[in-house]
Amino acid sequence: MDREGIAELFSAFGPVDIRRMFSGFGVFADDVCFSLFLRGELYFKVDETTATRFAEEGARPFSYTQPTSGKVVTVNSFWRLPERLYDDPEELAVWARQALTVAQRKQAAGKGKARPTAKGKNKSKSQGKTKKI
């Protein structure tokens, strides 16, 4: 599926920005990534309040195999969209709005937190900056 096809899936949701990410695409609304299109599948952002709904539909979280170790890594924050929603743009829009809400909430919670550096030390946005007087 190309960018136009992905955008068309969200026609009932509203305008989305499709950006190249990893080996697929990220789907953004209001500059927030709430969905991924990877390996021909659409994944929505979830949290503890919405993952159960996906599980009840038989969906699974995104996973991949690390090429060097062969270890399977599961990404529990993105779950595959249930197949039936590909043919129901109105209900897909409802699920997309929930995914966007989750992504916005997680983004807001993460603002201002210290980020770990490559050496594992926390680095806040103000560290390492000099103030000119």
N, C-alpha and C. Protein backbone atom coordinates (compact mmCIF):
# COMPACT_ATOMS: atom_id res chain seq x y z
N MET A 1 0.86 -1.17 0.00
CA MET A 1 0.00 0.00 0.00
C MET A 1 0.90 1.24 0.00
N ASP A 2 0.55 2.22 -0.79
CA ASP A 2 1.33 3.45 -0.87
C ASP A 2 0.71 4.53 0.03
N ARG A 3 1.34 5.71 0.04
CA ARG A 3 0.88 6.81 0.90
C ARG A 3 -0.58 7.17 0.65
N GLU A 4 -0.96 7.23 -0.62
CA GLU A 4 -2.33 7.62 -0.95
C GLU A 4 -3.33 6.59 -0.44
N GLY A 5 -2.98 5.32 -0.55
CA GLY A 5 -3.86 4.26 -0.05
C GLY A 5 -4.02 4.32 1.45
N ILE A 6 -2.91 4.59 2.14
CA ILE A 6 -2.97 4.71 3.60
C ILE A 6 -3.84 5.91 3.99
N ALA A 7 -3.61 7.04 3.34
CA ALA A 7 -4.40 8.25 3.63
C ALA A 7 -5.88 8.00 3.38
N GLU A 8 -6.19 7.23 2.33
CA GLU A 8 -7.59 6.95 2.00
C GLU A 8 -8.27 6.15 3.12
N LEU A 9 -7.53 5.26 3.77
CA LEU A 9 -8.10 4.51 4.89
C LEU A 9 -8.60 5.44 6.00
N PHE A 10 -7.98 6.61 6.11
CA PHE A 10 -8.32 7.56 7.17
C PHE A 10 -9.28 8.65 6.70
N SER A 11 -9.94 8.45 5.58
CA SER A 11 -10.82 9.49 5.01
C SER A 11 -11.91 9.92 5.98
N ALA A 12 -12.47 9.00 6.74
CA ALA A 12 -13.52 9.36 7.70
C ALA A 12 -12.93 9.98 8.98
N PHE A 13 -11.65 9.75 9.22
CA PHE A 13 -10.97 10.30 10.39
C PHE A 13 -10.65 11.77 10.20
N GLY A 14 -10.14 12.10 9.02
CA GLY A 14 -9.72 13.46 8.74
C GLY A 14 -8.33 13.45 8.14
N PRO A 15 -7.77 14.62 7.92
CA PRO A 15 -6.46 14.68 7.27
C PRO A 15 -5.35 14.07 8.13
N VAL A 16 -4.48 13.33 7.47
CA VAL A 16 -3.32 12.75 8.13
C VAL A 16 -2.08 13.06 7.29
N ASP A 17 -0.95 13.04 7.95
CA ASP A 17 0.33 13.23 7.28
C ASP A 17 1.04 11.89 7.31
N ILE A 18 1.40 11.37 6.15
CA ILE A 18 2.06 10.07 6.04
C ILE A 18 3.55 10.35 5.84
N ARG A 19 4.38 9.88 6.80
CA ARG A 19 5.82 10.13 6.74
C ARG A 19 6.58 8.81 6.73
N ARG A 20 7.64 8.79 5.97
CA ARG A 20 8.51 7.62 5.90
C ARG A 20 9.12 7.36 7.27
N MET A 21 9.00 6.13 7.76
CA MET A 21 9.58 5.73 9.04
C MET A 21 10.02 4.29 8.95
N PHE A 22 11.21 4.02 9.45
CA PHE A 22 11.74 2.66 9.47
C PHE A 22 11.61 2.06 8.07
N SER A 23 10.97 0.91 7.97
CA SER A 23 10.79 0.29 6.65
C SER A 23 9.36 0.49 6.15
N GLY A 24 8.67 1.49 6.69
CA GLY A 24 7.28 1.74 6.31
C GLY A 24 6.94 3.21 6.45
N PHE A 25 5.78 3.46 7.07
CA PHE A 25 5.30 4.83 7.22
C PHE A 25 4.76 5.06 8.63
N GLY A 26 4.86 6.30 9.08
CA GLY A 26 4.19 6.75 10.29
C GLY A 26 2.99 7.58 9.87
N VAL A 27 1.90 7.45 10.60
CA VAL A 27 0.69 8.22 10.31
C VAL A 27 0.56 9.25 11.44
N PHE A 28 0.50 10.52 11.04
CA PHE A 28 0.49 11.63 12.00
C PHE A 28 -0.78 12.46 11.85
N ALA A 29 -1.25 12.98 12.96
CA ALA A 29 -2.31 13.99 12.99
C ALA A 29 -1.88 15.00 14.04
N ASP A 30 -2.01 16.26 13.73
CA ASP A 30 -1.59 17.32 14.65
C ASP A 30 -0.13 17.12 15.08
N ASP A 31 0.69 16.64 14.17
CA ASP A 31 2.13 16.42 14.38
C ASP A 31 2.41 15.36 15.44
N VAL A 32 1.48 14.45 15.67
CA VAL A 32 1.63 13.35 16.63
C VAL A 32 1.48 12.03 15.88
N CYS A 33 2.46 11.14 16.05
CA CYS A 33 2.39 9.82 15.41
C CYS A 33 1.49 8.91 16.24
N PHE A 34 0.41 8.43 15.62
CA PHE A 34 -0.52 7.56 16.33
C PHE A 34 -0.68 6.21 15.65
N SER A 35 -0.04 6.04 14.50
CA SER A 35 -0.18 4.79 13.76
C SER A 35 1.09 4.53 12.94
N LEU A 36 1.37 3.26 12.73
CA LEU A 36 2.48 2.85 11.88
C LEU A 36 1.97 1.90 10.81
N PHE A 37 2.52 2.01 9.61
CA PHE A 37 2.22 1.06 8.55
C PHE A 37 3.53 0.35 8.24
N LEU A 38 3.63 -0.91 8.70
CA LEU A 38 4.85 -1.69 8.55
C LEU A 38 4.52 -3.08 8.03
N ARG A 39 5.31 -3.54 7.08
CA ARG A 39 5.15 -4.90 6.52
C ARG A 39 3.72 -5.18 6.07
N GLY A 40 3.11 -4.15 5.49
CA GLY A 40 1.76 -4.33 4.94
C GLY A 40 0.65 -4.32 5.96
N GLU A 41 0.95 -3.98 7.19
CA GLU A 41 -0.05 -3.97 8.25
C GLU A 41 -0.09 -2.60 8.92
N LEU A 42 -1.28 -2.23 9.38
CA LEU A 42 -1.48 -0.98 10.09
C LEU A 42 -1.51 -1.26 11.59
N TYR A 43 -0.75 -0.49 12.35
CA TYR A 43 -0.68 -0.62 13.81
C TYR A 43 -1.09 0.70 14.44
N PHE A 44 -1.87 0.62 15.53
CA PHE A 44 -2.31 1.80 16.25
C PHE A 44 -1.64 1.86 17.61
N LYS A 45 -1.39 3.09 18.07
CA LYS A 45 -0.83 3.34 19.39
C LYS A 45 -1.86 2.92 20.44
N VAL A 46 -1.40 2.19 21.47
CA VAL A 46 -2.30 1.75 22.54
C VAL A 46 -1.67 2.05 23.89
N ASP A 47 -2.49 1.96 24.92
CA ASP A 47 -2.01 1.99 26.30
C ASP A 47 -2.84 0.97 27.07
N GLU A 48 -2.70 0.99 28.39
CA GLU A 48 -3.41 0.00 29.20
C GLU A 48 -4.93 0.13 29.10
N THR A 49 -5.43 1.28 28.69
CA THR A 49 -6.89 1.45 28.58
C THR A 49 -7.44 0.96 27.25
N THR A 50 -6.60 0.81 26.22
CA THR A 50 -7.11 0.42 24.90
C THR A 50 -6.57 -0.92 24.39
N ALA A 51 -5.49 -1.43 24.95
CA ALA A 51 -4.91 -2.69 24.46
C ALA A 51 -5.89 -3.85 24.57
N THR A 52 -6.69 -3.86 25.63
CA THR A 52 -7.66 -4.94 25.83
C THR A 52 -8.63 -5.05 24.67
N ARG A 53 -9.05 -3.92 24.16
CA ARG A 53 -9.99 -3.91 23.03
C ARG A 53 -9.37 -4.59 21.81
N PHE A 54 -8.09 -4.32 21.58
CA PHE A 54 -7.39 -4.94 20.46
C PHE A 54 -7.27 -6.45 20.68
N ALA A 55 -6.92 -6.84 21.90
CA ALA A 55 -6.77 -8.26 22.23
C ALA A 55 -8.10 -9.00 22.04
N GLU A 56 -9.19 -8.36 22.44
CA GLU A 56 -10.51 -8.98 22.28
C GLU A 56 -10.86 -9.23 20.83
N GLU A 57 -10.26 -8.44 19.93
CA GLU A 57 -10.49 -8.59 18.49
C GLU A 57 -9.51 -9.57 17.85
N GLY A 58 -8.64 -10.16 18.68
CA GLY A 58 -7.66 -11.11 18.15
C GLY A 58 -6.41 -10.46 17.58
N ALA A 59 -6.25 -9.16 17.80
CA ALA A 59 -5.08 -8.45 17.30
C ALA A 59 -3.88 -8.74 18.19
N ARG A 60 -2.70 -8.47 17.67
CA ARG A 60 -1.45 -8.69 18.39
C ARG A 60 -0.58 -7.44 18.33
N PRO A 61 0.32 -7.29 19.31
CA PRO A 61 1.24 -6.16 19.25
C PRO A 61 2.27 -6.36 18.13
N PHE A 62 2.86 -5.26 17.71
CA PHE A 62 3.91 -5.31 16.70
C PHE A 62 5.12 -6.06 17.27
N SER A 63 5.74 -6.89 16.45
CA SER A 63 6.96 -7.57 16.87
C SER A 63 7.87 -7.73 15.66
N TYR A 64 9.14 -7.89 15.95
CA TYR A 64 10.12 -8.11 14.90
C TYR A 64 11.25 -8.97 15.47
N THR A 65 12.02 -9.56 14.59
CA THR A 65 13.15 -10.38 14.99
C THR A 65 14.43 -9.62 14.75
N GLN A 66 15.27 -9.54 15.77
CA GLN A 66 16.57 -8.88 15.62
C GLN A 66 17.44 -9.75 14.71
N PRO A 67 17.98 -9.13 13.66
CA PRO A 67 18.73 -9.93 12.69
C PRO A 67 19.99 -10.59 13.25
N THR A 68 20.67 -9.94 14.18
CA THR A 68 21.93 -10.50 14.67
C THR A 68 21.73 -11.58 15.72
N SER A 69 20.77 -11.38 16.62
CA SER A 69 20.59 -12.34 17.72
C SER A 69 19.46 -13.33 17.47
N GLY A 70 18.54 -12.98 16.57
CA GLY A 70 17.37 -13.83 16.35
C GLY A 70 16.31 -13.66 17.42
N LYS A 71 16.54 -12.75 18.35
CA LYS A 71 15.59 -12.50 19.43
C LYS A 71 14.35 -11.78 18.90
N VAL A 72 13.17 -12.23 19.33
CA VAL A 72 11.92 -11.58 18.95
C VAL A 72 11.64 -10.46 19.94
N VAL A 73 11.46 -9.25 19.40
CA VAL A 73 11.17 -8.08 20.22
C VAL A 73 9.70 -7.71 20.00
N THR A 74 8.96 -7.57 21.08
CA THR A 74 7.55 -7.19 21.01
C THR A 74 7.42 -5.74 21.46
N VAL A 75 6.73 -4.95 20.64
CA VAL A 75 6.50 -3.53 20.93
C VAL A 75 5.05 -3.40 21.36
N ASN A 76 4.83 -3.40 22.67
CA ASN A 76 3.47 -3.41 23.20
C ASN A 76 2.72 -2.10 23.05
N SER A 77 3.39 -1.05 22.60
CA SER A 77 2.71 0.24 22.47
C SER A 77 2.01 0.40 21.11
N PHE A 78 2.23 -0.52 20.18
CA PHE A 78 1.54 -0.50 18.88
C PHE A 78 0.96 -1.88 18.60
N TRP A 79 -0.36 -1.91 18.37
CA TRP A 79 -1.06 -3.17 18.07
C TRP A 79 -1.66 -3.12 16.68
N ARG A 80 -1.69 -4.28 16.05
CA ARG A 80 -2.22 -4.39 14.69
C ARG A 80 -3.72 -4.10 14.66
N LEU A 81 -4.12 -3.37 13.65
CA LEU A 81 -5.53 -3.04 13.47
C LEU A 81 -6.30 -4.30 13.10
N PRO A 82 -7.44 -4.56 13.75
CA PRO A 82 -8.25 -5.72 13.36
C PRO A 82 -8.64 -5.65 11.88
N GLU A 83 -8.56 -6.78 11.21
CA GLU A 83 -8.81 -6.85 9.76
C GLU A 83 -10.16 -6.24 9.36
N ARG A 84 -11.19 -6.47 10.15
CA ARG A 84 -12.53 -6.01 9.76
C ARG A 84 -12.62 -4.49 9.60
N LEU A 85 -11.72 -3.75 10.25
CA LEU A 85 -11.79 -2.29 10.20
C LEU A 85 -11.29 -1.72 8.88
N TYR A 86 -10.54 -2.49 8.10
CA TYR A 86 -10.09 -2.01 6.80
C TYR A 86 -11.27 -1.73 5.87
N ASP A 87 -12.39 -2.42 6.12
CA ASP A 87 -13.58 -2.23 5.28
C ASP A 87 -14.65 -1.38 5.95
N ASP A 88 -14.32 -0.76 7.06
CA ASP A 88 -15.29 0.06 7.79
C ASP A 88 -14.64 1.38 8.19
N PRO A 89 -14.59 2.35 7.25
CA PRO A 89 -13.88 3.60 7.52
C PRO A 89 -14.43 4.38 8.72
N GLU A 90 -15.72 4.30 8.96
CA GLU A 90 -16.30 5.03 10.09
C GLU A 90 -15.80 4.48 11.42
N GLU A 91 -15.80 3.16 11.57
CA GLU A 91 -15.32 2.59 12.82
C GLU A 91 -13.80 2.69 12.92
N LEU A 92 -13.11 2.58 11.79
CA LEU A 92 -11.66 2.79 11.80
C LEU A 92 -11.36 4.19 12.34
N ALA A 93 -12.17 5.17 11.97
CA ALA A 93 -11.97 6.54 12.45
C ALA A 93 -12.13 6.63 13.96
N VAL A 94 -13.07 5.88 14.52
CA VAL A 94 -13.26 5.86 15.98
C VAL A 94 -12.01 5.30 16.66
N TRP A 95 -11.50 4.19 16.14
CA TRP A 95 -10.29 3.58 16.71
C TRP A 95 -9.09 4.52 16.52
N ALA A 96 -9.02 5.19 15.39
CA ALA A 96 -7.91 6.12 15.12
C ALA A 96 -7.95 7.29 16.10
N ARG A 97 -9.14 7.80 16.40
CA ARG A 97 -9.25 8.91 17.36
C ARG A 97 -8.77 8.47 18.75
N GLN A 98 -9.10 7.23 19.12
CA GLN A 98 -8.62 6.72 20.41
C GLN A 98 -7.09 6.59 20.40
N ALA A 99 -6.53 6.10 19.29
CA ALA A 99 -5.08 5.96 19.19
C ALA A 99 -4.40 7.33 19.24
N LEU A 100 -4.99 8.32 18.59
CA LEU A 100 -4.44 9.67 18.64
C LEU A 100 -4.48 10.21 20.06
N THR A 101 -5.57 10.00 20.77
CA THR A 101 -5.68 10.45 22.16
C THR A 101 -4.60 9.81 23.02
N VAL A 102 -4.38 8.51 22.84
CA VAL A 102 -3.33 7.81 23.58
C VAL A 102 -1.97 8.42 23.26
N ALA A 103 -1.68 8.63 21.99
CA ALA A 103 -0.38 9.18 21.57
C ALA A 103 -0.19 10.60 22.11
N GLN A 104 -1.24 11.41 22.08
CA GLN A 104 -1.15 12.77 22.61
C GLN A 104 -0.90 12.75 24.11
N ARG A 105 -1.59 11.86 24.82
CA ARG A 105 -1.42 11.75 26.27
C ARG A 105 0.02 11.31 26.61
N LYS A 106 0.54 10.35 25.87
CA LYS A 106 1.91 9.88 26.13
C LYS A 106 2.92 10.96 25.77
N GLN A 107 2.67 11.69 24.70
CA GLN A 107 3.59 12.76 24.32
C GLN A 107 3.60 13.86 25.38
N ALA A 108 2.43 14.23 25.88
CA ALA A 108 2.35 15.27 26.91
C ALA A 108 3.02 14.81 28.20
N ALA A 109 2.87 13.55 28.55
CA ALA A 109 3.49 13.02 29.77
C ALA A 109 5.00 13.00 29.66
N GLY A 110 5.53 12.86 28.45
CA GLY A 110 6.96 12.77 28.25
C GLY A 110 7.66 14.10 28.13
N LYS A 111 6.94 15.18 27.93
CA LYS A 111 7.57 16.50 27.78
C LYS A 111 8.19 16.94 29.10
N GLY A 112 9.43 17.43 29.01
CA GLY A 112 10.10 17.95 30.18
C GLY A 112 10.81 16.90 31.02
N LYS A 113 10.63 15.61 30.69
CA LYS A 113 11.33 14.56 31.43
C LYS A 113 12.77 14.48 30.95
N ALA A 114 13.64 14.06 31.82
CA ALA A 114 15.04 13.87 31.45
C ALA A 114 15.13 12.66 30.52
N ARG A 115 15.99 12.79 29.52
CA ARG A 115 16.19 11.71 28.55
C ARG A 115 17.50 11.00 28.87
N PRO A 116 17.54 9.65 28.78
CA PRO A 116 18.82 8.96 29.01
C PRO A 116 19.76 9.23 27.84
N THR A 117 21.04 9.40 28.17
CA THR A 117 22.05 9.60 27.13
C THR A 117 22.63 8.25 26.75
N ALA A 118 23.54 8.24 25.82
CA ALA A 118 24.16 6.99 25.38
C ALA A 118 24.88 6.28 26.53
N LYS A 119 25.37 7.02 27.50
CA LYS A 119 26.07 6.41 28.64
C LYS A 119 25.11 6.06 29.77
N GLY A 120 23.80 6.22 29.56
CA GLY A 120 22.81 5.86 30.55
C GLY A 120 22.54 6.94 31.58
N LYS A 121 23.17 8.09 31.44
CA LYS A 121 22.92 9.19 32.37
C LYS A 121 21.74 10.00 31.87
N ASN A 122 21.01 10.57 32.80
CA ASN A 122 19.89 11.42 32.40
C ASN A 122 20.40 12.78 31.96
N LYS A 123 19.80 13.28 30.91
CA LYS A 123 20.17 14.60 30.40
C LYS A 123 18.89 15.37 30.15
N SER A 124 18.72 16.45 30.85
CA SER A 124 17.55 17.28 30.61
C SER A 124 17.84 18.21 29.45
N LYS A 125 16.82 18.82 28.94
CA LYS A 125 16.98 19.71 27.78
C LYS A 125 17.85 20.90 28.10
N SER A 126 17.92 21.32 29.38
CA SER A 126 18.70 22.50 29.73
C SER A 126 20.17 22.17 30.00
N GLN A 127 20.51 20.89 30.21
CA GLN A 127 21.89 20.52 30.47
C GLN A 127 22.75 20.77 29.26
N GLY A 128 23.97 21.22 29.49
CA GLY A 128 24.91 21.37 28.41
C GLY A 128 24.74 22.66 27.63
N LYS A 129 23.76 23.47 27.96
CA LYS A 129 23.54 24.74 27.28
C LYS A 129 24.13 25.87 28.13
N THR A 130 24.71 26.82 27.47
CA THR A 130 25.23 27.98 28.20
C THR A 130 24.27 29.14 27.98
N LYS A 131 24.19 29.93 29.01
CA LYS A 131 23.31 31.09 28.94
C LYS A 131 24.16 32.34 28.73
N LYS A 132 23.82 33.08 27.69
CA LYS A 132 24.54 34.33 27.42
C LYS A 132 23.87 35.46 28.18
N ILE A 133 24.71 36.26 28.80
CA ILE A 133 24.18 37.39 29.57
C ILE A 133 24.55 38.68 28.88
